[in-house]
Amino acid sequence: MHVTSIDRYMLEPGTVTEWSVAPGAVSRSVIPPSYNQQFHLDTARTHGMGRSVWMAAAFDLPGQLDHKALRQALVHFIRRHDTLQSGFDVSADYMQRVDLDPEDITVSSSEPVTTSSPDELRDHLRSRFTLACDPLTFPAYLFATVERDSHYTVISAFDHTLVDGYSLVIALGELRQIYEKLVMLGDSAEVTEEDLTREFGDPGSFLRYCELEADAPVTALSDPRVREWARFYERCGGTAPSFPIDLGVEGGHPAPQGADVRPLLDAADTERFEEICLESGGSLFTGALTAMGMAVQSINGVSRMPLQFPLHIRQDPQWSNAIGWLTTSAPLTVELTPDGDFQSSLAHTHASFRTALTLKGVSMAQVREALGDGYRRTRTDVFMVSYIDYRRLPGTEDHVELNAHHISNVTVADDAQFWISRTHRGLALRSRFPETPTARLAVTEFLVRLEQILREICEQGVTPIAELTNQLNLEGTPVV
């Protein structure tokens, strides 16, 4: 799956049709929003409509779209996952979950719109998804198809309250397979929810996860896991970490968002880099984080880079097939040795990563409640680095053939965030940051130096990396 942002998503134009839910009866729910959802809804409530952090999954299929089969597939898909039957009523004073009756769900299609250029198509999709997939709307998702003479594209877009990155892989696989099953069966199609459960497994219940999170016991400040979080935040000044290079924006006052999407290493070099990291006692992820820390150090001399990284909680079988925002966060600190040696610094990074994994039993809701005034939210965004190895996720073997994409909206930002993705093509990076002159120059320089460091590690191994860091500090190092 190619991870990108909507400003970089260029599709062959065609005829666009939207597919949306006609919700029918809506009822109020006693299940509160999850911690992640509350965080997201608070931000939306502050900044208002039009800044939706939506994400979408897209795939291509050959031939002509079967409209009837797709409509039926969408109904089955929505009924299968309770996060898609849920949304929020939000005001200045409260936020409450509201639910659809799954048996009352129907899907309607719009009048087709013909687009004549990739730019026109991209702008149309961005406008429609940003309007429809907003957390302050309900339901906060929309499907679209783009039809052409020989092939078509199916796009599923959701507000972040409803899904995470892993969910997009599940959504792409299930929707495609349900649709193709209905096409194969033709007009005689008789598919039940039980049939789908037998074929795809129990979908789990994201709403049940929200219930369990809300009912989790209070965690004491003396809990060693909470103490670790407290120490982490204390070292960050009582708040979440920030990208350690000036971005030219004040915390809490987001600027229009900048974006960057680039390959870091091809498949062969990714294998080589991972081999070096494993031989050095680390992993590809902690090696990439260490290289990021080295890039920062080469720019401003800062040798310590605290960050947060998302962890999915799908190890529990009941969530393995679920769609929802099923991630927690973990703290990690990249701390470079005085000589800037990659191998030694990687040992520190990987030790911090292993410590972070021991905190998984406590939720962010429990941590924040236990910390109380020991944590202050000073920025809209949190400096974080995500990593997904798409090769290890189920149903991704034919993503190249399907032209599979993970597409994120471009909104506003007051900190930097990075998504590292590994596919059969190699290692890639999507970056999100404030679009200020200071940030654009800083992030571009950071990314160029990161690429240089990764290439040098692959070409020369770990021994000369300290020399590389010194070279990057020399005046006149070219930055493009």
Protein backbone atom coordinates (compact mmCIF):
# COMPACT_ATOMS: atom_id res chain seq x y z
CA MET A 1 0.00 0.00 0.00
CA HIS A 2 1.40 3.35 -1.01
CA VAL A 3 1.05 5.88 1.80
CA THR A 4 0.47 9.42 0.53
CA SER A 5 -1.48 12.63 1.10
CA ILE A 6 -4.36 14.00 -0.94
CA ASP A 7 -2.25 16.80 -2.45
CA ARG A 8 0.03 14.11 -3.98
CA TYR A 9 -2.72 11.70 -5.07
CA MET A 10 -2.94 11.90 -8.87
CA LEU A 11 -5.48 9.63 -10.53
CA GLU A 12 -6.52 9.24 -14.14
CA PRO A 13 -9.75 11.27 -14.46
CA GLY A 14 -13.12 9.70 -15.01
CA THR A 15 -16.72 9.76 -13.88
CA VAL A 16 -17.10 10.20 -10.13
CA THR A 17 -20.02 8.80 -8.16
CA GLU A 18 -20.44 9.19 -4.40
CA TRP A 19 -21.94 6.43 -2.27
CA SER A 20 -23.29 7.56 1.09
CA VAL A 21 -25.33 6.14 3.96
CA ALA A 22 -28.93 7.13 4.42
CA PRO A 23 -28.91 6.65 8.20
CA GLY A 24 -32.58 6.21 9.04
CA ALA A 25 -33.27 6.13 12.78
CA VAL A 26 -30.57 7.51 15.10
CA SER A 27 -30.37 6.81 18.83
CA ARG A 28 -28.20 8.12 21.66
CA SER A 29 -25.64 5.72 23.08
CA VAL A 30 -24.39 5.27 26.65
CA ILE A 31 -20.93 4.27 25.36
CA PRO A 32 -18.57 7.24 25.65
CA PRO A 33 -16.00 8.12 23.01
CA SER A 34 -12.64 6.46 23.47
CA TYR A 35 -9.65 8.47 24.69
CA ASN A 36 -8.36 8.89 21.12
CA GLN A 37 -11.80 9.96 19.93
CA GLN A 38 -12.16 12.51 22.73
CA PHE A 39 -8.75 13.97 21.88
CA HIS A 40 -9.73 14.22 18.20
CA LEU A 41 -13.19 15.65 18.94
CA ASP A 42 -11.73 18.26 21.31
CA THR A 43 -9.46 19.44 18.51
CA ALA A 44 -12.34 19.51 16.03
CA ARG A 45 -14.51 21.43 18.49
CA THR A 46 -11.74 24.00 18.92
CA HIS A 47 -10.95 24.52 15.25
CA GLY A 48 -14.39 23.93 13.73
CA MET A 49 -15.55 22.32 10.50
CA GLY A 50 -13.36 21.88 7.45
CA ARG A 51 -10.17 20.57 9.08
CA SER A 52 -11.07 16.92 9.16
CA VAL A 53 -8.15 14.53 9.61
CA TRP A 54 -9.72 11.99 7.30
CA MET A 55 -7.96 9.01 5.75
CA ALA A 56 -8.93 6.87 2.79
CA ALA A 57 -8.17 3.53 1.16
CA ALA A 58 -8.27 3.23 -2.62
CA PHE A 59 -7.89 0.34 -5.05
CA ASP A 60 -8.33 -0.26 -8.79
CA LEU A 61 -10.10 -3.08 -10.59
CA PRO A 62 -10.29 -3.80 -14.34
CA GLY A 63 -13.46 -3.75 -16.40
CA GLN A 64 -16.79 -2.06 -15.65
CA LEU A 65 -18.19 -1.28 -12.20
CA ASP A 66 -21.20 -3.33 -11.11
CA HIS A 67 -23.26 -0.65 -9.37
CA LYS A 68 -25.77 -3.01 -7.82
CA ALA A 69 -23.09 -5.32 -6.40
CA LEU A 70 -21.16 -2.38 -4.94
CA ARG A 71 -24.26 -0.96 -3.27
CA GLN A 72 -24.97 -4.34 -1.66
CA ALA A 73 -21.32 -4.76 -0.67
CA LEU A 74 -21.29 -1.39 1.06
CA VAL A 75 -24.39 -2.24 3.11
CA HIS A 76 -22.86 -5.57 4.19
CA PHE A 77 -19.56 -3.88 5.03
CA ILE A 78 -21.18 -1.15 7.13
CA ARG A 79 -23.39 -3.62 8.99
CA ARG A 80 -20.34 -5.77 9.72
CA HIS A 81 -18.40 -3.03 11.57
CA ASP A 82 -20.08 -1.15 14.39
CA THR A 83 -17.69 1.82 14.23
CA LEU A 84 -19.44 2.67 10.93
CA GLN A 85 -22.79 2.67 12.72
CA SER A 86 -21.55 5.26 15.21
CA GLY A 87 -20.80 8.97 15.39
CA PHE A 88 -20.97 11.94 17.75
CA ASP A 89 -23.19 14.83 18.72
CA VAL A 90 -20.74 17.53 19.79
CA SER A 91 -21.33 20.98 21.27
CA ALA A 92 -19.30 23.41 23.35
CA ASP A 93 -20.50 21.65 26.53
CA TYR A 94 -20.66 17.93 25.72
CA MET A 95 -19.95 15.14 23.29
CA GLN A 96 -22.17 12.09 23.07
CA ARG A 97 -22.09 9.03 20.88
CA VAL A 98 -25.04 8.40 18.57
CA ASP A 99 -25.79 5.15 16.75
CA LEU A 100 -27.50 3.97 13.60
CA ASP A 101 -29.74 0.93 13.50
CA PRO A 102 -27.73 -1.47 11.32
CA GLU A 103 -30.89 -3.05 9.95
CA ASP A 104 -32.12 0.36 8.81
CA ILE A 105 -29.02 1.24 6.78
CA THR A 106 -29.32 1.92 3.07
CA VAL A 107 -26.75 3.30 0.63
CA SER A 108 -27.59 5.90 -2.00
CA SER A 109 -25.53 7.09 -4.96
CA SER A 110 -25.09 10.64 -6.23
CA GLU A 111 -25.45 12.05 -9.69
CA PRO A 112 -22.24 11.26 -11.60
CA VAL A 113 -19.70 14.05 -12.10
CA THR A 114 -17.28 13.88 -15.04
CA THR A 115 -13.72 15.09 -14.43
CA SER A 116 -11.29 15.89 -17.22
CA SER A 117 -7.89 16.12 -15.51
CA PRO A 118 -6.03 14.56 -12.56
CA ASP A 119 -5.94 17.94 -10.81
CA GLU A 120 -9.67 18.44 -11.17
CA LEU A 121 -10.36 14.92 -9.88
CA ARG A 122 -8.01 15.34 -6.90
CA ASP A 123 -9.51 18.70 -5.95
CA HIS A 124 -13.04 17.32 -6.25
CA LEU A 125 -12.29 14.32 -4.03
CA ARG A 126 -10.48 16.47 -1.47
CA SER A 127 -13.39 18.90 -1.25
CA ARG A 128 -16.04 16.21 -0.93
CA PHE A 129 -14.15 14.04 1.59
CA THR A 130 -13.26 17.06 3.73
CA LEU A 131 -16.91 18.09 3.88
CA ALA A 132 -18.41 14.64 4.44
CA CYS A 133 -15.73 12.98 6.62
CA ASP A 134 -15.72 15.55 9.41
CA PRO A 135 -15.99 14.39 13.05
CA LEU A 136 -18.69 17.02 13.61
CA THR A 137 -20.88 15.42 10.90
CA PHE A 138 -22.74 12.10 10.97
CA PRO A 139 -22.04 9.59 9.49
CA ALA A 140 -18.45 10.82 9.05
CA TYR A 141 -17.47 8.73 6.03
CA LEU A 142 -18.07 8.59 2.31
CA PHE A 143 -17.35 6.17 -0.52
CA ALA A 144 -16.56 7.17 -4.10
CA THR A 145 -15.94 5.46 -7.41
CA VAL A 146 -14.11 6.77 -10.47
CA GLU A 147 -15.15 4.97 -13.67
CA ARG A 148 -13.24 4.87 -16.95
CA ASP A 149 -13.51 2.81 -20.13
CA SER A 150 -11.25 -0.03 -19.04
CA HIS A 151 -10.99 0.18 -15.23
CA TYR A 152 -12.34 1.90 -12.11
CA THR A 153 -11.21 3.03 -8.69
CA VAL A 154 -13.04 2.48 -5.40
CA ILE A 155 -12.22 4.88 -2.55
CA SER A 156 -13.38 4.57 1.08
CA ALA A 157 -12.83 7.73 3.17
CA PHE A 158 -13.36 7.97 6.93
CA ASP A 159 -12.79 10.52 9.66
CA HIS A 160 -9.98 9.45 12.01
CA THR A 161 -12.46 8.92 14.88
CA LEU A 162 -13.68 5.81 13.05
CA VAL A 163 -10.48 4.18 11.78
CA ASP A 164 -6.71 3.90 12.08
CA GLY A 165 -4.12 2.99 9.45
CA TYR A 166 -4.46 -0.75 10.07
CA SER A 167 -8.25 -0.43 9.60
CA LEU A 168 -7.73 0.84 6.07
CA VAL A 169 -5.99 -2.41 5.14
CA ILE A 170 -8.90 -4.41 6.56
CA ALA A 171 -11.46 -2.14 4.86
CA LEU A 172 -9.77 -2.39 1.48
CA GLY A 173 -9.53 -6.17 1.63
CA GLU A 174 -13.01 -6.88 2.94
CA LEU A 175 -14.91 -4.44 0.75
CA ARG A 176 -13.16 -5.64 -2.36
CA GLN A 177 -13.75 -9.32 -1.57
CA ILE A 178 -17.41 -8.84 -0.59
CA TYR A 179 -17.98 -6.89 -3.80
CA GLU A 180 -16.26 -9.48 -6.00
CA LYS A 181 -18.24 -12.26 -4.30
CA LEU A 182 -21.50 -10.47 -5.12
CA VAL A 183 -20.39 -9.86 -8.71
CA MET A 184 -19.63 -13.56 -9.10
CA LEU A 185 -22.99 -14.62 -7.64
CA GLY A 186 -24.87 -12.16 -9.86
CA ASP A 187 -28.57 -11.41 -9.39
CA SER A 188 -29.02 -14.61 -7.40
CA ALA A 189 -26.77 -13.27 -4.64
CA GLU A 190 -27.88 -14.39 -1.20
CA VAL A 191 -25.20 -13.35 1.27
CA THR A 192 -25.82 -13.14 5.01
CA GLU A 193 -23.78 -11.64 7.83
CA GLU A 194 -23.15 -15.21 9.02
CA ASP A 195 -21.66 -16.06 5.61
CA LEU A 196 -19.28 -13.13 5.90
CA THR A 197 -18.26 -14.04 9.45
CA ARG A 198 -17.41 -17.57 8.31
CA GLU A 199 -15.36 -16.19 5.43
CA PHE A 200 -13.60 -13.23 7.08
CA GLY A 201 -13.76 -14.06 10.78
CA ASP A 202 -15.57 -12.31 13.60
CA PRO A 203 -15.34 -8.54 12.99
CA GLY A 204 -15.06 -7.76 16.67
CA SER A 205 -16.62 -4.65 18.16
CA PHE A 206 -14.84 -1.33 18.41
CA LEU A 207 -17.69 -0.06 20.57
CA ARG A 208 -16.99 -2.88 23.01
CA TYR A 209 -13.37 -1.71 23.12
CA CYS A 210 -14.59 1.82 23.97
CA GLU A 211 -16.76 0.35 26.74
CA LEU A 212 -13.88 -1.61 28.24
CA GLU A 213 -11.56 1.39 28.08
CA ALA A 214 -14.13 3.57 29.89
CA ASP A 215 -14.63 0.90 32.59
CA ALA A 216 -10.90 0.31 33.16
CA PRO A 217 -9.89 0.80 36.81
CA VAL A 218 -8.16 3.96 37.94
CA THR A 219 -4.38 3.54 37.83
CA ALA A 220 -2.36 4.98 40.71
CA LEU A 221 0.50 7.39 40.19
CA SER A 222 2.66 4.80 41.97
CA ASP A 223 2.13 2.28 39.16
CA PRO A 224 5.58 1.79 37.54
CA ARG A 225 4.09 2.21 34.08
CA VAL A 226 2.58 5.57 35.00
CA ARG A 227 5.83 6.60 36.69
CA GLU A 228 7.66 5.91 33.43
CA TRP A 229 5.22 8.17 31.57
CA ALA A 230 5.57 10.81 34.31
CA ARG A 231 9.37 10.80 33.95
CA PHE A 232 9.05 11.04 30.18
CA TYR A 233 6.71 14.05 30.30
CA GLU A 234 8.75 15.70 33.04
CA ARG A 235 11.83 15.55 30.82
CA CYS A 236 9.70 17.19 28.09
CA GLY A 237 8.69 20.07 30.39
CA GLY A 238 5.43 18.57 31.63
CA THR A 239 3.93 18.12 28.18
CA ALA A 240 4.22 15.97 25.05
CA PRO A 241 7.47 16.05 23.05
CA SER A 242 8.00 18.43 20.15
CA PHE A 243 10.12 18.04 17.03
CA PRO A 244 13.58 19.23 18.12
CA ILE A 245 14.06 21.68 15.24
CA ASP A 246 12.35 25.09 15.12
CA LEU A 247 9.29 25.00 12.85
CA GLY A 248 8.39 28.69 13.12
CA VAL A 249 4.98 28.19 14.71
CA GLU A 250 3.64 28.74 18.21
CA GLY A 251 2.17 25.71 19.98
CA GLY A 252 -1.62 25.71 19.94
CA HIS A 253 -1.76 28.00 16.90
CA PRO A 254 -1.63 25.66 13.90
CA ALA A 255 -0.49 26.86 10.50
CA PRO A 256 -1.66 25.40 7.18
CA GLN A 257 -0.14 21.95 6.86
CA GLY A 258 2.82 21.08 4.68
CA ALA A 259 3.34 17.56 3.38
CA ASP A 260 6.15 15.49 1.96
CA VAL A 261 6.05 11.94 0.58
CA ARG A 262 9.27 10.25 -0.53
CA PRO A 263 10.98 6.86 -0.83
CA LEU A 264 13.88 6.40 1.58
CA LEU A 265 15.37 3.08 0.49
CA ASP A 266 14.58 0.59 -2.26
CA ALA A 267 13.81 -3.03 -1.38
CA ALA A 268 17.43 -4.23 -1.53
CA ASP A 269 18.77 -1.37 0.58
CA THR A 270 15.91 -1.82 3.05
CA GLU A 271 16.92 -5.45 3.49
CA ARG A 272 20.53 -4.36 3.94
CA PHE A 273 19.61 -1.68 6.48
CA GLU A 274 17.47 -4.11 8.46
CA GLU A 275 20.30 -6.66 8.47
CA ILE A 276 22.70 -4.04 9.89
CA CYS A 277 20.14 -3.03 12.54
CA LEU A 278 19.52 -6.63 13.62
CA GLU A 279 23.24 -7.39 13.79
CA SER A 280 23.62 -4.29 15.98
CA GLY A 281 20.94 -5.49 18.41
CA GLY A 282 18.13 -3.29 17.14
CA SER A 283 15.32 -3.41 14.59
CA LEU A 284 14.54 -1.59 11.37
CA PHE A 285 12.18 0.77 13.23
CA THR A 286 14.61 1.66 16.01
CA GLY A 287 17.39 1.94 13.41
CA ALA A 288 15.31 4.42 11.41
CA LEU A 289 14.59 6.41 14.58
CA THR A 290 18.30 6.49 15.40
CA ALA A 291 19.06 7.76 11.90
CA MET A 292 16.43 10.46 12.41
CA GLY A 293 18.14 11.48 15.64
CA MET A 294 21.47 11.65 13.79
CA ALA A 295 19.89 13.87 11.14
CA VAL A 296 18.68 16.25 13.85
CA GLN A 297 22.08 16.25 15.55
CA SER A 298 23.82 17.04 12.27
CA ILE A 299 21.65 20.16 11.92
CA ASN A 300 21.59 21.67 15.40
CA GLY A 301 23.77 19.50 17.63
CA VAL A 302 20.84 18.19 19.69
CA SER A 303 21.62 14.61 20.70
CA ARG A 304 18.38 13.74 22.52
CA MET A 305 15.07 13.27 20.68
CA PRO A 306 12.01 12.23 22.74
CA LEU A 307 8.94 11.22 20.74
CA GLN A 308 5.78 9.15 20.95
CA PHE A 309 4.89 6.28 18.65
CA PRO A 310 1.57 4.49 18.09
CA LEU A 311 1.08 0.83 19.01
CA HIS A 312 -1.90 -1.17 17.83
CA ILE A 313 -3.67 -3.37 20.38
CA ARG A 314 -4.80 -6.05 17.94
CA GLN A 315 -2.73 -8.79 19.58
CA ASP A 316 -5.96 -9.59 21.43
CA PRO A 317 -7.84 -11.87 18.98
CA GLN A 318 -11.16 -10.12 19.59
CA TRP A 319 -9.81 -7.01 17.82
CA SER A 320 -7.82 -8.71 15.04
CA ASN A 321 -10.49 -8.13 12.36
CA ALA A 322 -12.03 -4.99 13.86
CA ILE A 323 -12.20 -1.61 12.21
CA GLY A 324 -11.72 1.30 14.61
CA TRP A 325 -9.09 3.51 16.20
CA LEU A 326 -7.38 0.64 17.98
CA THR A 327 -4.05 2.16 18.91
CA THR A 328 -2.38 3.43 22.03
CA SER A 329 0.75 5.53 22.38
CA ALA A 330 4.16 4.79 23.83
CA PRO A 331 7.09 7.03 24.83
CA LEU A 332 10.57 6.62 23.39
CA THR A 333 13.78 8.63 23.52
CA VAL A 334 16.53 8.55 20.91
CA GLU A 335 19.75 9.40 22.74
CA LEU A 336 22.90 9.56 20.68
CA THR A 337 26.31 8.72 22.09
CA PRO A 338 28.85 11.60 22.23
CA ASP A 339 30.70 10.31 19.16
CA GLY A 340 27.46 9.98 17.16
CA ASP A 341 28.15 6.30 16.44
CA PHE A 342 25.11 4.60 14.89
CA GLN A 343 25.63 1.19 16.44
CA SER A 344 26.08 2.47 20.00
CA SER A 345 23.23 4.96 19.66
CA LEU A 346 20.95 2.25 18.26
CA ALA A 347 21.51 0.22 21.43
CA HIS A 348 20.16 3.15 23.48
CA THR A 349 17.17 3.64 21.14
CA HIS A 350 16.27 -0.04 21.14
CA ALA A 351 16.50 -0.24 24.94
CA SER A 352 14.07 2.68 25.15
CA PHE A 353 11.78 0.89 22.68
CA ARG A 354 11.83 -2.32 24.75
CA THR A 355 10.94 -0.32 27.87
CA ALA A 356 8.05 1.31 25.98
CA LEU A 357 6.62 -2.11 25.12
CA THR A 358 6.31 -2.93 28.84
CA LEU A 359 3.82 -0.04 29.22
CA LYS A 360 1.20 -1.51 26.86
CA GLY A 361 -1.09 -2.73 29.64
CA VAL A 362 -2.03 0.80 30.69
CA SER A 363 -4.13 3.02 28.41
CA MET A 364 -3.49 6.67 27.68
CA ALA A 365 -6.76 7.47 29.41
CA GLN A 366 -5.45 5.84 32.60
CA VAL A 367 -2.09 7.59 32.28
CA ARG A 368 -3.58 11.05 31.84
CA GLU A 369 -6.06 10.53 34.67
CA ALA A 370 -3.29 9.39 37.01
CA LEU A 371 -0.99 12.26 36.06
CA GLY A 372 -3.62 14.94 36.56
CA ASP A 373 -1.92 18.34 36.55
CA GLY A 374 1.40 16.60 35.86
CA TYR A 375 0.58 16.84 32.15
CA ARG A 376 -0.40 19.93 30.14
CA ARG A 377 -1.53 19.90 26.53
CA THR A 378 0.38 22.74 24.87
CA ARG A 379 0.07 21.79 21.19
CA THR A 380 -2.66 20.52 18.89
CA ASP A 381 -0.30 17.88 17.53
CA VAL A 382 2.14 15.49 19.18
CA PHE A 383 5.58 14.83 17.69
CA MET A 384 5.32 11.19 16.77
CA VAL A 385 6.79 8.62 14.38
CA SER A 386 4.67 5.72 13.16
CA TYR A 387 5.89 2.53 11.51
CA ILE A 388 3.88 -0.07 9.58
CA ASP A 389 5.33 -3.03 7.70
CA TYR A 390 2.53 -3.62 5.22
CA ARG A 391 4.12 -6.89 4.05
CA ARG A 392 3.16 -8.43 7.38
CA LEU A 393 -0.49 -7.40 7.29
CA PRO A 394 -3.05 -9.88 5.96
CA GLY A 395 -4.35 -9.45 2.42
CA THR A 396 -1.62 -7.12 1.15
CA GLU A 397 0.06 -9.50 -1.31
CA ASP A 398 -1.63 -7.99 -4.38
CA HIS A 399 -1.57 -4.32 -3.32
CA VAL A 400 0.77 -3.38 -6.17
CA GLU A 401 -1.55 -4.97 -8.72
CA LEU A 402 -4.51 -3.18 -7.10
CA ASN A 403 -2.72 0.19 -7.04
CA ALA A 404 -3.62 0.27 -3.35
CA HIS A 405 -3.27 3.64 -1.61
CA HIS A 406 -3.56 5.00 1.91
CA ILE A 407 -4.48 8.68 1.44
CA SER A 408 -4.53 11.30 4.21
CA ASN A 409 -6.01 14.77 4.17
CA VAL A 410 -3.86 17.91 4.39
CA THR A 411 -5.18 20.27 7.07
CA VAL A 412 -3.29 22.32 9.67
CA ALA A 413 -0.37 21.50 11.98
CA ASP A 414 1.67 22.94 14.84
CA ASP A 415 4.25 20.13 15.06
CA ALA A 416 5.89 17.52 12.85
CA GLN A 417 4.69 13.93 12.47
CA PHE A 418 6.16 11.11 10.39
CA TRP A 419 4.80 7.83 9.00
CA ILE A 420 7.38 5.24 7.97
CA SER A 421 5.97 2.50 5.73
CA ARG A 422 7.61 -0.65 4.46
CA THR A 423 6.30 -2.48 1.41
CA HIS A 424 7.76 -4.89 -1.13
CA ARG A 425 9.15 -1.79 -2.87
CA GLY A 426 11.19 -0.71 0.15
CA LEU A 427 11.01 1.99 2.81
CA ALA A 428 9.06 5.26 2.39
CA LEU A 429 8.22 8.25 4.55
CA ARG A 430 5.23 10.57 4.74
CA SER A 431 5.78 13.79 6.67
CA ARG A 432 3.28 16.26 8.08
CA PHE A 433 4.38 19.68 9.41
CA PRO A 434 3.39 23.37 9.54
CA GLU A 435 3.75 25.03 6.16
CA THR A 436 5.85 27.98 7.32
CA PRO A 437 9.04 29.11 5.56
CA THR A 438 11.02 28.06 8.64
CA ALA A 439 9.43 24.60 8.81
CA ARG A 440 9.67 23.94 5.07
CA LEU A 441 13.43 24.64 5.09
CA ALA A 442 14.00 22.75 8.36
CA VAL A 443 12.04 19.63 7.41
CA THR A 444 13.52 19.52 3.90
CA GLU A 445 17.04 19.71 5.32
CA PHE A 446 16.16 17.06 7.91
CA LEU A 447 14.79 14.69 5.26
CA VAL A 448 17.76 15.16 2.93
CA ARG A 449 20.20 14.43 5.73
CA LEU A 450 18.15 11.42 6.84
CA GLU A 451 18.37 9.99 3.32
CA GLN A 452 22.14 10.62 3.24
CA ILE A 453 22.63 8.85 6.57
CA LEU A 454 20.54 5.83 5.56
CA ARG A 455 22.39 5.49 2.25
CA GLU A 456 25.77 5.71 3.97
CA ILE A 457 24.78 3.05 6.50
CA CYS A 458 23.70 0.71 3.70
CA GLU A 459 26.84 1.34 1.63
CA GLN A 460 29.49 1.41 4.35
CA GLY A 461 28.02 -0.48 7.31
CA VAL A 462 28.17 0.85 10.85
CA THR A 463 31.88 1.59 11.30
CA PRO A 464 32.19 4.93 9.49
CA ILE A 465 28.89 6.45 10.64
CA ALA A 466 30.52 8.69 13.27
CA GLU A 467 32.64 10.14 10.46
CA LEU A 468 29.48 10.74 8.42
CA THR A 469 27.89 12.78 11.21
CA ASN A 470 30.98 14.96 11.41
CA GLN A 471 30.94 15.44 7.64
CA LEU A 472 27.30 16.52 7.71
CA ASN A 473 28.16 19.15 10.31
CA LEU A 474 30.73 20.74 8.00
CA GLU A 475 29.84 24.17 6.62
CA GLY A 476 28.70 24.04 3.04
CA THR A 477 27.02 20.63 3.10
CA PRO A 478 24.62 20.80 0.14
CA VAL A 479 20.93 20.66 0.95
CA VAL A 480 18.39 20.44 -1.85
